[in-house]
Each structure stands twice: as C-alpha cells, then as structure tokens.
Amino acid sequence: GPGNVNCTSVILKGWGGAGNDGSAAHTMREVAVQYQCLVCYSNFMIVVDLVPAASAFSGKKGTARFNDLLEKICEAKAISDVTFQRCPTCLELALELSY
C-alpha cells in the first residue's frame, strides 16, 4: 500500500572526490532508501546518510560490519519515516513550490 518503505539500502555515487589512486574507493558514499509515495504510489529515493569509503570495510569482517551499518541505518529510517512520505512531484503540487 502507499507509504511503504523498501529497506534495501542503495549506495549512490561517492562523495568528496576520488582517492589518491584515482578510484572512488576512498570517498564517502551516500545511502539512499526507496520509498513509495503516499499520494500517487510512485517510487522514489531519499539520501538518508553517508557511510565511510569502501576501503574502511575490507575483507570478510569489513563486509559484515558494512552490512550491519546499512541494516541499522535502514531500520532507523523505516521506523521514523514510514508514514506520510510524498514524492517530490506530489510535494511540489501540495505546497505550490517549484524546485
């Protein structure tokens, strides 16, 4: 139904520029959560947090820590933001504002 939250976090592009080796492995990354609009049922994403660079989570233990971090972020957002989310288009229409 409307207002659903997909708790599968998505890592968006790196933030802050590439590392010394020219890769994005040393940059902060944005975490976005997918929501479903309460009004029109469309899906949209909201950036909810930043996470450390991939280089901070090396190896199997690092991957486990990274997954735990994403799970905590997602759980916190699913509880606090699950109700009354509107997509950017519906928000513009409701508030009569243009971004």
C-alpha atoms as a PDB file:
ATOM      1  CA  GLY A   1       0.000   0.000   0.000  1.00  0.00           C
ATOM      2  CA  PRO A   2       1.001   3.642  -0.026  1.00  0.00           C
ATOM      3  CA  GLY A   3       3.713   4.782   2.336  1.00  0.00           C
ATOM      4  CA  ASN A   4       5.708   1.562   2.022  1.00  0.00           C
ATOM      5  CA  VAL A   5       9.447   1.620   2.608  1.00  0.00           C
ATOM      6  CA  ASN A   6      11.872  -0.685   0.833  1.00  0.00           C
ATOM      7  CA  CYS A   7      14.612  -1.228   3.371  1.00  0.00           C
ATOM      8  CA  THR A   8      17.155  -2.299   0.812  1.00  0.00           C
ATOM      9  CA  SER A   9      19.699   0.467   1.061  1.00  0.00           C
ATOM     10  CA  VAL A  10      21.371   1.577  -2.123  1.00  0.00           C
ATOM     11  CA  ILE A  11      24.848   3.040  -2.241  1.00  0.00           C
ATOM     12  CA  LEU A  12      24.922   6.028  -4.520  1.00  0.00           C
ATOM     13  CA  LYS A  13      27.999   7.612  -6.032  1.00  0.00           C
ATOM     14  CA  GLY A  14      30.984   8.572  -3.931  1.00  0.00           C
ATOM     15  CA  TRP A  15      31.187  11.986  -2.316  1.00  0.00           C
ATOM     16  CA  GLY A  16      34.256  14.166  -1.965  1.00  0.00           C
ATOM     17  CA  GLY A  17      36.329  13.206  -4.985  1.00  0.00           C
ATOM     18  CA  ALA A  18      38.439  10.240  -5.926  1.00  0.00           C
ATOM     19  CA  GLY A  19      41.202   8.792  -3.804  1.00  0.00           C
ATOM     20  CA  ASN A  20      44.923   9.062  -4.464  1.00  0.00           C
ATOM     21  CA  ASP A  21      44.790   6.064  -6.749  1.00  0.00           C
ATOM     22  CA  GLY A  22      42.143   7.661  -8.972  1.00  0.00           C
ATOM     23  CA  SER A  23      39.341   5.389  -7.758  1.00  0.00           C
ATOM     24  CA  ALA A  24      36.278   6.119  -5.670  1.00  0.00           C
ATOM     25  CA  ALA A  25      37.365   3.533  -3.065  1.00  0.00           C
ATOM     26  CA  HIS A  26      38.475   6.256  -0.647  1.00  0.00           C
ATOM     27  CA  THR A  27      35.435   8.529  -0.821  1.00  0.00           C
ATOM     28  CA  MET A  28      32.368   8.826   1.395  1.00  0.00           C
ATOM     29  CA  ARG A  29      29.269   7.233  -0.119  1.00  0.00           C
ATOM     30  CA  GLU A  30      25.606   8.209   0.103  1.00  0.00           C
ATOM     31  CA  VAL A  31      22.992   5.740   1.329  1.00  0.00           C
ATOM     32  CA  ALA A  32      19.503   6.086  -0.132  1.00  0.00           C
ATOM     33  CA  VAL A  33      16.285   4.370   0.869  1.00  0.00           C
ATOM     34  CA  GLN A  34      13.492   3.667  -1.585  1.00  0.00           C
ATOM     35  CA  TYR A  35      10.016   4.871  -0.603  1.00  0.00           C
ATOM     36  CA  GLN A  36       6.575   4.611  -2.169  1.00  0.00           C
ATOM     37  CA  CYS A  37       4.607   7.867  -2.383  1.00  0.00           C
ATOM     38  CA  LEU A  38       1.614   8.088  -0.088  1.00  0.00           C
ATOM     39  CA  VAL A  39      -0.358  10.013  -2.731  1.00  0.00           C
ATOM     40  CA  CYS A  40       0.483   8.672  -6.216  1.00  0.00           C
ATOM     41  CA  TYR A  41       2.168   5.333  -5.382  1.00  0.00           C
ATOM     42  CA  SER A  42       5.299   6.162  -7.396  1.00  0.00           C
ATOM     43  CA  ASN A  43       8.675   5.025  -6.097  1.00  0.00           C
ATOM     44  CA  PHE A  44      11.404   7.489  -5.206  1.00  0.00           C
ATOM     45  CA  MET A  45      14.663   7.537  -3.281  1.00  0.00           C
ATOM     46  CA  ILE A  46      15.868   9.783  -0.484  1.00  0.00           C
ATOM     47  CA  VAL A  47      19.510  10.071   0.564  1.00  0.00           C
ATOM     48  CA  VAL A  48      19.451   9.386   4.296  1.00  0.00           C
ATOM     49  CA  ASP A  49      23.078   9.121   5.380  1.00  0.00           C
ATOM     50  CA  LEU A  50      26.739   8.976   4.423  1.00  0.00           C
ATOM     51  CA  VAL A  51      28.942   5.954   5.060  1.00  0.00           C
ATOM     52  CA  PRO A  52      32.719   5.688   5.082  1.00  0.00           C
ATOM     53  CA  ALA A  53      34.630   4.718   1.966  1.00  0.00           C
ATOM     54  CA  ALA A  54      34.821   1.127   0.757  1.00  0.00           C
ATOM     55  CA  SER A  55      38.450   0.991   1.889  1.00  0.00           C
ATOM     56  CA  ALA A  56      37.226   1.192   5.515  1.00  0.00           C
ATOM     57  CA  PHE A  57      35.419  -2.148   5.125  1.00  0.00           C
ATOM     58  CA  SER A  58      37.989  -4.507   3.664  1.00  0.00           C
ATOM     59  CA  GLY A  59      37.824  -8.270   3.994  1.00  0.00           C
ATOM     60  CA  LYS A  60      35.041 -10.554   5.215  1.00  0.00           C
ATOM     61  CA  LYS A  61      34.841  -8.857   8.622  1.00  0.00           C
ATOM     62  CA  GLY A  62      34.681  -5.470   6.939  1.00  0.00           C
ATOM     63  CA  THR A  63      31.848  -6.634   4.707  1.00  0.00           C
ATOM     64  CA  ALA A  64      29.951  -7.891   7.767  1.00  0.00           C
ATOM     65  CA  ARG A  65      30.479  -4.543   9.566  1.00  0.00           C
ATOM     66  CA  PHE A  66      29.327  -2.686   6.460  1.00  0.00           C
ATOM     67  CA  ASN A  67      26.159  -4.789   6.173  1.00  0.00           C
ATOM     68  CA  ASP A  68      25.423  -4.245   9.883  1.00  0.00           C
ATOM     69  CA  LEU A  69      25.830  -0.486   9.425  1.00  0.00           C
ATOM     70  CA  LEU A  70      23.451  -0.426   6.443  1.00  0.00           C
ATOM     71  CA  GLU A  71      20.923  -2.507   8.370  1.00  0.00           C
ATOM     72  CA  LYS A  72      20.987  -0.092  11.327  1.00  0.00           C
ATOM     73  CA  ILE A  73      20.551   2.924   9.049  1.00  0.00           C
ATOM     74  CA  CYS A  74      17.694   1.248   7.212  1.00  0.00           C
ATOM     75  CA  GLU A  75      15.897   0.147  10.382  1.00  0.00           C
ATOM     76  CA  ALA A  76      16.105   3.639  11.854  1.00  0.00           C
ATOM     77  CA  LYS A  77      14.701   5.222   8.677  1.00  0.00           C
ATOM     78  CA  ALA A  78      11.991   2.607   8.208  1.00  0.00           C
ATOM     79  CA  ILE A  79      10.639   3.304  11.689  1.00  0.00           C
ATOM     80  CA  SER A  80      10.911   7.094  11.679  1.00  0.00           C
ATOM     81  CA  ASP A  81       9.994   7.851   8.058  1.00  0.00           C
ATOM     82  CA  VAL A  82       7.456   5.186   7.138  1.00  0.00           C
ATOM     83  CA  THR A  83       4.392   7.427   7.278  1.00  0.00           C
ATOM     84  CA  PHE A  84       3.334  10.356   5.157  1.00  0.00           C
ATOM     85  CA  GLN A  85       6.174  10.368   2.629  1.00  0.00           C
ATOM     86  CA  ARG A  86       5.333  12.152  -0.611  1.00  0.00           C
ATOM     87  CA  CYS A  87       7.383  12.065  -3.790  1.00  0.00           C
ATOM     88  CA  PRO A  88       8.995  15.335  -4.978  1.00  0.00           C
ATOM     89  CA  THR A  89       6.279  15.875  -7.613  1.00  0.00           C
ATOM     90  CA  CYS A  90       3.379  15.486  -5.163  1.00  0.00           C
ATOM     91  CA  LEU A  91       5.222  17.664  -2.654  1.00  0.00           C
ATOM     92  CA  GLU A  92       5.578  20.430  -5.253  1.00  0.00           C
ATOM     93  CA  LEU A  93       1.887  20.201  -6.088  1.00  0.00           C
ATOM     94  CA  ALA A  94       0.789  20.180  -2.453  1.00  0.00           C
ATOM     95  CA  LEU A  95       2.999  23.096  -1.387  1.00  0.00           C
ATOM     96  CA  GLU A  96       2.748  25.006  -4.677  1.00  0.00           C
ATOM     97  CA  LEU A  97       6.532  25.295  -4.754  1.00  0.00           C
ATOM     98  CA  SER A  98       8.932  24.636  -7.564  1.00  0.00           C
ATOM     99  CA  TYR A  99      12.366  23.173  -7.002  1.00  0.00           C
END
